[in-house]
């Protein structure tokens, strides 16, 4: 070794906090509208749309605002719109 000091690689990893990123807290409800057809989408995306409770195009459903529902919305974000 040449005697060079290496900086410590110990860093604290902060867990992802959604409230810091989009300014909204969990809880309450979120309204979801199905706006784009899932023709040519994967079966997994179709099941996600159905899992959100959407049965028809342009239907609006209200779901609890939980991380699981937000994850489902993120997965099919190109097919649905969040109605405020």
PDB file of N, CA and C in Angstrom:
ATOM      1  N   UNK A   1       0.827  -1.182   0.000  1.00  0.00           N
ATOM      2  CA  UNK A   1       0.000   0.000   0.000  1.00  0.00           C
ATOM      3  C   UNK A   1       0.871   1.246   0.000  1.00  0.00           C
ATOM      4  N   UNK A   2       0.342   2.280  -0.563  1.00  0.00           N
ATOM      5  CA  UNK A   2       1.098   3.521  -0.672  1.00  0.00           C
ATOM      6  C   UNK A   2       0.832   4.464   0.482  1.00  0.00           C
ATOM      7  N   UNK A   3      -0.014   4.060   1.399  1.00  0.00           N
ATOM      8  CA  UNK A   3      -0.269   4.897   2.551  1.00  0.00           C
ATOM      9  C   UNK A   3      -1.416   5.874   2.364  1.00  0.00           C
ATOM     10  N   UNK A   4      -2.156   5.755   1.260  1.00  0.00           N
ATOM     11  CA  UNK A   4      -3.286   6.659   1.039  1.00  0.00           C
ATOM     12  C   UNK A   4      -4.439   6.265   1.942  1.00  0.00           C
ATOM     13  N   UNK A   5      -5.094   7.244   2.464  1.00  0.00           N
ATOM     14  CA  UNK A   5      -6.256   6.977   3.299  1.00  0.00           C
ATOM     15  C   UNK A   5      -7.502   6.934   2.428  1.00  0.00           C
ATOM     16  N   UNK A   6      -8.320   5.938   2.670  1.00  0.00           N
ATOM     17  CA  UNK A   6      -9.559   5.783   1.925  1.00  0.00           C
ATOM     18  C   UNK A   6     -10.700   6.262   2.809  1.00  0.00           C
ATOM     19  N   UNK A   7     -11.567   7.043   2.240  1.00  0.00           N
ATOM     20  CA  UNK A   7     -12.711   7.557   2.990  1.00  0.00           C
ATOM     21  C   UNK A   7     -13.617   6.404   3.398  1.00  0.00           C
ATOM     22  N   UNK A   8     -14.211   6.537   4.525  1.00  0.00           N
ATOM     23  CA  UNK A   8     -15.122   5.514   5.017  1.00  0.00           C
ATOM     24  C   UNK A   8     -16.335   5.415   4.096  1.00  0.00           C
ATOM     25  N   UNK A   9     -16.745   4.188   3.816  1.00  0.00           N
ATOM     26  CA  UNK A   9     -17.894   3.987   2.937  1.00  0.00           C
ATOM     27  C   UNK A   9     -19.173   3.765   3.720  1.00  0.00           C
ATOM     28  N   UNK A  10     -19.097   3.930   5.021  1.00  0.00           N
ATOM     29  CA  UNK A  10     -20.292   3.741   5.832  1.00  0.00           C
ATOM     30  C   UNK A  10     -21.186   4.969   5.701  1.00  0.00           C
ATOM     31  N   UNK A  11     -22.327   4.769   5.115  1.00  0.00           N
ATOM     32  CA  UNK A  11     -23.301   5.853   5.003  1.00  0.00           C
ATOM     33  C   UNK A  11     -24.641   5.332   5.471  1.00  0.00           C
ATOM     34  N   UNK A  12     -25.414   6.191   6.039  1.00  0.00           N
ATOM     35  CA  UNK A  12     -26.741   5.779   6.464  1.00  0.00           C
ATOM     36  C   UNK A  12     -27.696   5.944   5.292  1.00  0.00           C
ATOM     37  N   UNK A  13     -28.408   4.890   4.999  1.00  0.00           N
ATOM     38  CA  UNK A  13     -29.371   4.920   3.906  1.00  0.00           C
ATOM     39  C   UNK A  13     -30.725   5.260   4.487  1.00  0.00           C
ATOM     40  N   UNK A  14     -31.280   6.334   4.013  1.00  0.00           N
ATOM     41  CA  UNK A  14     -32.573   6.790   4.497  1.00  0.00           C
ATOM     42  C   UNK A  14     -33.668   6.075   3.711  1.00  0.00           C
ATOM     43  N   UNK A  15     -34.662   5.484   4.387  1.00  0.00           N
ATOM     44  CA  UNK A  15     -35.732   4.815   3.652  1.00  0.00           C
ATOM     45  C   UNK A  15     -36.570   5.807   2.848  1.00  0.00           C
ATOM     46  N   UNK A  16     -37.133   5.314   1.764  1.00  0.00           N
ATOM     47  CA  UNK A  16     -37.956   6.153   0.893  1.00  0.00           C
ATOM     48  C   UNK A  16     -39.171   6.636   1.656  1.00  0.00           C
ATOM     49  N   UNK A  17     -39.404   7.932   1.624  1.00  0.00           N
ATOM     50  CA  UNK A  17     -40.554   8.523   2.290  1.00  0.00           C
ATOM     51  C   UNK A  17     -41.357   9.274   1.241  1.00  0.00           C
ATOM     52  N   UNK A  18     -42.529   8.764   0.933  1.00  0.00           N
ATOM     53  CA  UNK A  18     -43.340   9.338  -0.135  1.00  0.00           C
ATOM     54  C   UNK A  18     -43.742  10.775   0.163  1.00  0.00           C
ATOM     55  N   UNK A  19     -43.926  11.123   1.431  1.00  0.00           N
ATOM     56  CA  UNK A  19     -44.374  12.479   1.754  1.00  0.00           C
ATOM     57  C   UNK A  19     -43.316  13.517   1.415  1.00  0.00           C
ATOM     58  N   UNK A  20     -42.050  13.120   1.409  1.00  0.00           N
ATOM     59  CA  UNK A  20     -41.001  14.069   1.052  1.00  0.00           C
ATOM     60  C   UNK A  20     -40.941  14.300  -0.449  1.00  0.00           C
ATOM     61  N   UNK A  21     -41.447  13.359  -1.227  1.00  0.00           N
ATOM     62  CA  UNK A  21     -41.308  13.445  -2.667  1.00  0.00           C
ATOM     63  C   UNK A  21     -42.517  14.062  -3.366  1.00  0.00           C
ATOM     64  N   UNK A  22     -43.714  13.742  -2.921  1.00  0.00           N
ATOM     65  CA  UNK A  22     -44.867  14.318  -3.606  1.00  0.00           C
ATOM     66  C   UNK A  22     -45.748  15.167  -2.699  1.00  0.00           C
ATOM     67  N   UNK A  23     -45.369  15.327  -1.448  1.00  0.00           N
ATOM     68  CA  UNK A  23     -46.071  16.234  -0.561  1.00  0.00           C
ATOM     69  C   UNK A  23     -47.406  15.729  -0.047  1.00  0.00           C
ATOM     70  N   UNK A  24     -47.735  14.466  -0.315  1.00  0.00           N
ATOM     71  CA  UNK A  24     -49.011  13.928   0.138  1.00  0.00           C
ATOM     72  C   UNK A  24     -48.764  12.837   1.164  1.00  0.00           C
ATOM     73  N   UNK A  25     -49.656  12.730   2.111  1.00  0.00           N
ATOM     74  CA  UNK A  25     -49.548  11.700   3.129  1.00  0.00           C
ATOM     75  C   UNK A  25     -50.465  10.542   2.771  1.00  0.00           C
ATOM     76  N   UNK A  26     -50.139   9.367   3.300  1.00  0.00           N
ATOM     77  CA  UNK A  26     -51.014   8.222   3.111  1.00  0.00           C
ATOM     78  C   UNK A  26     -52.293   8.448   3.897  1.00  0.00           C
ATOM     79  N   UNK A  27     -53.325   7.773   3.509  1.00  0.00           N
ATOM     80  CA  UNK A  27     -54.598   7.921   4.169  1.00  0.00           C
ATOM     81  C   UNK A  27     -55.571   8.614   3.252  1.00  0.00           C
ATOM     82  N   UNK A  28     -56.827   8.577   3.601  1.00  0.00           N
ATOM     83  CA  UNK A  28     -57.825   9.186   2.745  1.00  0.00           C
ATOM     84  C   UNK A  28     -58.127   8.305   1.551  1.00  0.00           C
ATOM     85  N   UNK A  29     -58.622   8.921   0.505  1.00  0.00           N
ATOM     86  CA  UNK A  29     -58.982   8.166  -0.690  1.00  0.00           C
ATOM     87  C   UNK A  29     -58.387   8.822  -1.923  1.00  0.00           C
ATOM     88  N   UNK A  30     -58.345   8.042  -2.988  1.00  0.00           N
ATOM     89  CA  UNK A  30     -57.860   8.528  -4.270  1.00  0.00           C
ATOM     90  C   UNK A  30     -58.845   8.058  -5.337  1.00  0.00           C
ATOM     91  N   UNK A  31     -59.186   8.949  -6.268  1.00  0.00           N
ATOM     92  CA  UNK A  31     -60.090   8.600  -7.360  1.00  0.00           C
ATOM     93  C   UNK A  31     -59.258   8.283  -8.596  1.00  0.00           C
ATOM     94  N   UNK A  32     -59.556   7.145  -9.218  1.00  0.00           N
ATOM     95  CA  UNK A  32     -58.799   6.668 -10.369  1.00  0.00           C
ATOM     96  C   UNK A  32     -59.747   6.531 -11.547  1.00  0.00           C
ATOM     97  N   UNK A  33     -59.330   7.038 -12.706  1.00  0.00           N
ATOM     98  CA  UNK A  33     -60.139   6.942 -13.918  1.00  0.00           C
ATOM     99  C   UNK A  33     -59.345   6.186 -14.976  1.00  0.00           C
ATOM    100  N   UNK A  34     -59.987   5.207 -15.611  1.00  0.00           N
ATOM    101  CA  UNK A  34     -59.359   4.428 -16.673  1.00  0.00           C
ATOM    102  C   UNK A  34     -59.561   5.191 -17.973  1.00  0.00           C
ATOM    103  N   UNK A  35     -58.467   5.666 -18.608  1.00  0.00           N
ATOM    104  CA  UNK A  35     -58.591   6.543 -19.766  1.00  0.00           C
ATOM    105  C   UNK A  35     -58.049   5.957 -21.064  1.00  0.00           C
ATOM    106  N   UNK A  36     -57.163   4.951 -21.015  1.00  0.00           N
ATOM    107  CA  UNK A  36     -56.572   4.384 -22.225  1.00  0.00           C
ATOM    108  C   UNK A  36     -56.807   2.878 -22.224  1.00  0.00           C
ATOM    109  N   UNK A  37     -57.198   2.328 -23.364  1.00  0.00           N
ATOM    110  CA  UNK A  37     -57.457   0.903 -23.486  1.00  0.00           C
ATOM    111  C   UNK A  37     -56.201   0.085 -23.232  1.00  0.00           C
ATOM    112  N   UNK A  38     -56.376  -1.126 -22.714  1.00  0.00           N
ATOM    113  CA  UNK A  38     -55.211  -1.976 -22.484  1.00  0.00           C
ATOM    114  C   UNK A  38     -54.986  -2.984 -23.602  1.00  0.00           C
ATOM    115  N   UNK A  39     -55.468  -2.684 -24.799  1.00  0.00           N
ATOM    116  CA  UNK A  39     -55.149  -3.508 -25.961  1.00  0.00           C
ATOM    117  C   UNK A  39     -53.638  -3.454 -26.159  1.00  0.00           C
ATOM    118  N   UNK A  40     -53.047  -4.561 -26.405  1.00  0.00           N
ATOM    119  CA  UNK A  40     -51.599  -4.768 -26.595  1.00  0.00           C
ATOM    120  C   UNK A  40     -50.797  -4.571 -25.310  1.00  0.00           C
ATOM    121  N   UNK A  41     -51.447  -4.589 -24.156  1.00  0.00           N
ATOM    122  CA  UNK A  41     -50.728  -4.554 -22.889  1.00  0.00           C
ATOM    123  C   UNK A  41     -50.536  -5.982 -22.385  1.00  0.00           C
ATOM    124  N   UNK A  42     -49.636  -6.143 -21.461  1.00  0.00           N
ATOM    125  CA  UNK A  42     -49.377  -7.469 -20.916  1.00  0.00           C
ATOM    126  C   UNK A  42     -50.532  -7.908 -20.015  1.00  0.00           C
ATOM    127  N   UNK A  43     -50.594  -9.208 -19.785  1.00  0.00           N
ATOM    128  CA  UNK A  43     -51.644  -9.751 -18.931  1.00  0.00           C
ATOM    129  C   UNK A  43     -51.509  -9.212 -17.508  1.00  0.00           C
ATOM    130  N   UNK A  44     -50.293  -8.960 -17.082  1.00  0.00           N
ATOM    131  CA  UNK A  44     -50.051  -8.421 -15.749  1.00  0.00           C
ATOM    132  C   UNK A  44     -50.687  -7.042 -15.592  1.00  0.00           C
ATOM    133  N   UNK A  45     -50.598  -6.215 -16.633  1.00  0.00           N
ATOM    134  CA  UNK A  45     -51.221  -4.884 -16.590  1.00  0.00           C
ATOM    135  C   UNK A  45     -52.738  -4.997 -16.586  1.00  0.00           C
ATOM    136  N   UNK A  46     -53.267  -5.946 -17.349  1.00  0.00           N
ATOM    137  CA  UNK A  46     -54.718  -6.167 -17.354  1.00  0.00           C
ATOM    138  C   UNK A  46     -55.203  -6.548 -15.963  1.00  0.00           C
ATOM    139  N   UNK A  47     -54.467  -7.432 -15.306  1.00  0.00           N
ATOM    140  CA  UNK A  47     -54.848  -7.854 -13.964  1.00  0.00           C
ATOM    141  C   UNK A  47     -54.743  -6.704 -12.969  1.00  0.00           C
ATOM    142  N   UNK A  48     -53.795  -5.821 -13.169  1.00  0.00           N
ATOM    143  CA  UNK A  48     -53.659  -4.660 -12.287  1.00  0.00           C
ATOM    144  C   UNK A  48     -54.846  -3.721 -12.445  1.00  0.00           C
ATOM    145  N   UNK A  49     -55.267  -3.485 -13.692  1.00  0.00           N
ATOM    146  CA  UNK A  49     -56.458  -2.652 -13.942  1.00  0.00           C
ATOM    147  C   UNK A  49     -57.670  -3.266 -13.255  1.00  0.00           C
ATOM    148  N   UNK A  50     -57.836  -4.574 -13.414  1.00  0.00           N
ATOM    149  CA  UNK A  50     -58.966  -5.259 -12.774  1.00  0.00           C
ATOM    150  C   UNK A  50     -58.839  -5.220 -11.252  1.00  0.00           C
ATOM    151  N   UNK A  51     -57.613  -5.329 -10.759  1.00  0.00           N
ATOM    152  CA  UNK A  51     -57.384  -5.285  -9.319  1.00  0.00           C
ATOM    153  C   UNK A  51     -57.720  -3.939  -8.706  1.00  0.00           C
ATOM    154  N   UNK A  52     -57.608  -2.889  -9.499  1.00  0.00           N
ATOM    155  CA  UNK A  52     -58.010  -1.562  -9.026  1.00  0.00           C
ATOM    156  C   UNK A  52     -59.527  -1.411  -9.002  1.00  0.00           C
ATOM    157  N   UNK A  53     -60.230  -2.377  -9.573  1.00  0.00           N
ATOM    158  CA  UNK A  53     -61.688  -2.324  -9.577  1.00  0.00           C
ATOM    159  C   UNK A  53     -62.268  -1.674 -10.807  1.00  0.00           C
ATOM    160  N   UNK A  54     -61.452  -1.446 -11.818  1.00  0.00           N
ATOM    161  CA  UNK A  54     -61.932  -0.808 -13.046  1.00  0.00           C
ATOM    162  C   UNK A  54     -62.452  -1.884 -13.992  1.00  0.00           C
ATOM    163  N   UNK A  55     -63.673  -1.715 -14.479  1.00  0.00           N
ATOM    164  CA  UNK A  55     -64.299  -2.693 -15.368  1.00  0.00           C
ATOM    165  C   UNK A  55     -64.571  -2.131 -16.756  1.00  0.00           C
ATOM    166  N   UNK A  56     -64.759  -0.817 -16.862  1.00  0.00           N
ATOM    167  CA  UNK A  56     -65.090  -0.189 -18.148  1.00  0.00           C
ATOM    168  C   UNK A  56     -64.209   1.036 -18.356  1.00  0.00           C
ATOM    169  N   UNK A  57     -63.990   1.355 -19.610  1.00  0.00           N
ATOM    170  CA  UNK A  57     -63.250   2.575 -19.945  1.00  0.00           C
ATOM    171  C   UNK A  57     -63.997   3.790 -19.392  1.00  0.00           C
ATOM    172  N   UNK A  58     -63.279   4.786 -18.971  1.00  0.00           N
ATOM    173  CA  UNK A  58     -63.799   6.053 -18.441  1.00  0.00           C
ATOM    174  C   UNK A  58     -64.570   5.887 -17.140  1.00  0.00           C
ATOM    175  N   UNK A  59     -64.432   4.741 -16.510  1.00  0.00           N
ATOM    176  CA  UNK A  59     -65.038   4.517 -15.208  1.00  0.00           C
ATOM    177  C   UNK A  59     -64.144   5.146 -14.140  1.00  0.00           C
ATOM    178  N   UNK A  60     -64.756   5.718 -13.118  1.00  0.00           N
ATOM    179  CA  UNK A  60     -64.016   6.307 -12.002  1.00  0.00           C
ATOM    180  C   UNK A  60     -64.325   5.498 -10.753  1.00  0.00           C
ATOM    181  N   UNK A  61     -63.274   5.072 -10.054  1.00  0.00           N
ATOM    182  CA  UNK A  61     -63.445   4.351  -8.796  1.00  0.00           C
ATOM    183  C   UNK A  61     -62.689   5.098  -7.704  1.00  0.00           C
ATOM    184  N   UNK A  62     -63.134   4.917  -6.484  1.00  0.00           N
ATOM    185  CA  UNK A  62     -62.485   5.549  -5.344  1.00  0.00           C
ATOM    186  C   UNK A  62     -61.901   4.453  -4.468  1.00  0.00           C
ATOM    187  N   UNK A  63     -60.613   4.536  -4.197  1.00  0.00           N
ATOM    188  CA  UNK A  63     -59.901   3.534  -3.413  1.00  0.00           C
ATOM    189  C   UNK A  63     -59.180   4.212  -2.254  1.00  0.00           C
ATOM    190  N   UNK A  64     -58.871   3.431  -1.230  1.00  0.00           N
ATOM    191  CA  UNK A  64     -58.078   3.939  -0.117  1.00  0.00           C
ATOM    192  C   UNK A  64     -56.694   4.316  -0.626  1.00  0.00           C
ATOM    193  N   UNK A  65     -56.163   5.413  -0.147  1.00  0.00           N
ATOM    194  CA  UNK A  65     -54.842   5.880  -0.563  1.00  0.00           C
ATOM    195  C   UNK A  65     -53.783   5.170   0.275  1.00  0.00           C
ATOM    196  N   UNK A  66     -53.387   3.979  -0.183  1.00  0.00           N
ATOM    197  CA  UNK A  66     -52.379   3.183   0.503  1.00  0.00           C
ATOM    198  C   UNK A  66     -51.181   2.996  -0.415  1.00  0.00           C
ATOM    199  N   UNK A  67     -50.050   2.616   0.131  1.00  0.00           N
ATOM    200  CA  UNK A  67     -48.884   2.361  -0.725  1.00  0.00           C
ATOM    201  C   UNK A  67     -49.135   1.269  -1.765  1.00  0.00           C
ATOM    202  N   UNK A  68     -49.953   0.273  -1.427  1.00  0.00           N
ATOM    203  CA  UNK A  68     -50.252  -0.798  -2.381  1.00  0.00           C
ATOM    204  C   UNK A  68     -51.030  -0.264  -3.578  1.00  0.00           C
ATOM    205  N   UNK A  69     -52.028   0.559  -3.315  1.00  0.00           N
ATOM    206  CA  UNK A  69     -52.826   1.138  -4.399  1.00  0.00           C
ATOM    207  C   UNK A  69     -51.974   2.105  -5.210  1.00  0.00           C
ATOM    208  N   UNK A  70     -51.139   2.896  -4.543  1.00  0.00           N
ATOM    209  CA  UNK A  70     -50.256   3.816  -5.266  1.00  0.00           C
ATOM    210  C   UNK A  70     -49.290   3.040  -6.166  1.00  0.00           C
ATOM    211  N   UNK A  71     -48.831   1.883  -5.707  1.00  0.00           N
ATOM    212  CA  UNK A  71     -47.959   1.055  -6.529  1.00  0.00           C
ATOM    213  C   UNK A  71     -48.666   0.510  -7.746  1.00  0.00           C
ATOM    214  N   UNK A  72     -49.936   0.135  -7.583  1.00  0.00           N
ATOM    215  CA  UNK A  72     -50.722  -0.355  -8.717  1.00  0.00           C
ATOM    216  C   UNK A  72     -50.948   0.765  -9.726  1.00  0.00           C
ATOM    217  N   UNK A  73     -51.238   1.958  -9.234  1.00  0.00           N
ATOM    218  CA  UNK A  73     -51.425   3.107 -10.123  1.00  0.00           C
ATOM    219  C   UNK A  73     -50.133   3.387 -10.877  1.00  0.00           C
ATOM    220  N   UNK A  74     -49.010   3.302 -10.185  1.00  0.00           N
ATOM    221  CA  UNK A  74     -47.719   3.560 -10.836  1.00  0.00           C
ATOM    222  C   UNK A  74     -47.439   2.542 -11.937  1.00  0.00           C
ATOM    223  N   UNK A  75     -47.858   1.313 -11.714  1.00  0.00           N
ATOM    224  CA  UNK A  75     -47.600   0.254 -12.695  1.00  0.00           C
ATOM    225  C   UNK A  75     -48.359   0.492 -13.998  1.00  0.00           C
ATOM    226  N   UNK A  76     -49.555   1.048 -13.913  1.00  0.00           N
ATOM    227  CA  UNK A  76     -50.373   1.288 -15.113  1.00  0.00           C
ATOM    228  C   UNK A  76     -50.617   2.784 -15.300  1.00  0.00           C
ATOM    229  N   UNK A  77     -49.632   3.596 -14.948  1.00  0.00           N
ATOM    230  CA  UNK A  77     -49.786   5.058 -14.992  1.00  0.00           C
ATOM    231  C   UNK A  77     -50.059   5.589 -16.384  1.00  0.00           C
ATOM    232  N   UNK A  78     -49.707   4.832 -17.426  1.00  0.00           N
ATOM    233  CA  UNK A  78     -49.965   5.267 -18.796  1.00  0.00           C
ATOM    234  C   UNK A  78     -51.384   4.925 -19.241  1.00  0.00           C
ATOM    235  N   UNK A  79     -52.138   4.189 -18.408  1.00  0.00           N
ATOM    236  CA  UNK A  79     -53.501   3.790 -18.751  1.00  0.00           C
ATOM    237  C   UNK A  79     -54.559   4.484 -17.903  1.00  0.00           C
ATOM    238  N   UNK A  80     -54.173   5.012 -16.756  1.00  0.00           N
ATOM    239  CA  UNK A  80     -55.140   5.602 -15.828  1.00  0.00           C
ATOM    240  C   UNK A  80     -54.769   7.045 -15.518  1.00  0.00           C
ATOM    241  N   UNK A  81     -55.731   7.754 -14.944  1.00  0.00           N
ATOM    242  CA  UNK A  81     -55.504   9.120 -14.476  1.00  0.00           C
ATOM    243  C   UNK A  81     -56.034   9.217 -13.056  1.00  0.00           C
ATOM    244  N   UNK A  82     -55.335   9.961 -12.228  1.00  0.00           N
ATOM    245  CA  UNK A  82     -55.792  10.204 -10.864  1.00  0.00           C
ATOM    246  C   UNK A  82     -56.616  11.476 -10.887  1.00  0.00           C
ATOM    247  N   UNK A  83     -57.878  11.356 -10.500  1.00  0.00           N
ATOM    248  CA  UNK A  83     -58.805  12.486 -10.503  1.00  0.00           C
ATOM    249  C   UNK A  83     -58.787  13.091  -9.112  1.00  0.00           C
ATOM    250  N   UNK A  84     -58.485  14.359  -9.015  1.00  0.00           N
ATOM    251  CA  UNK A  84     -58.428  15.032  -7.708  1.00  0.00           C
ATOM    252  C   UNK A  84     -59.735  15.708  -7.411  1.00  0.00           C
TER     253      UNK A  84
END
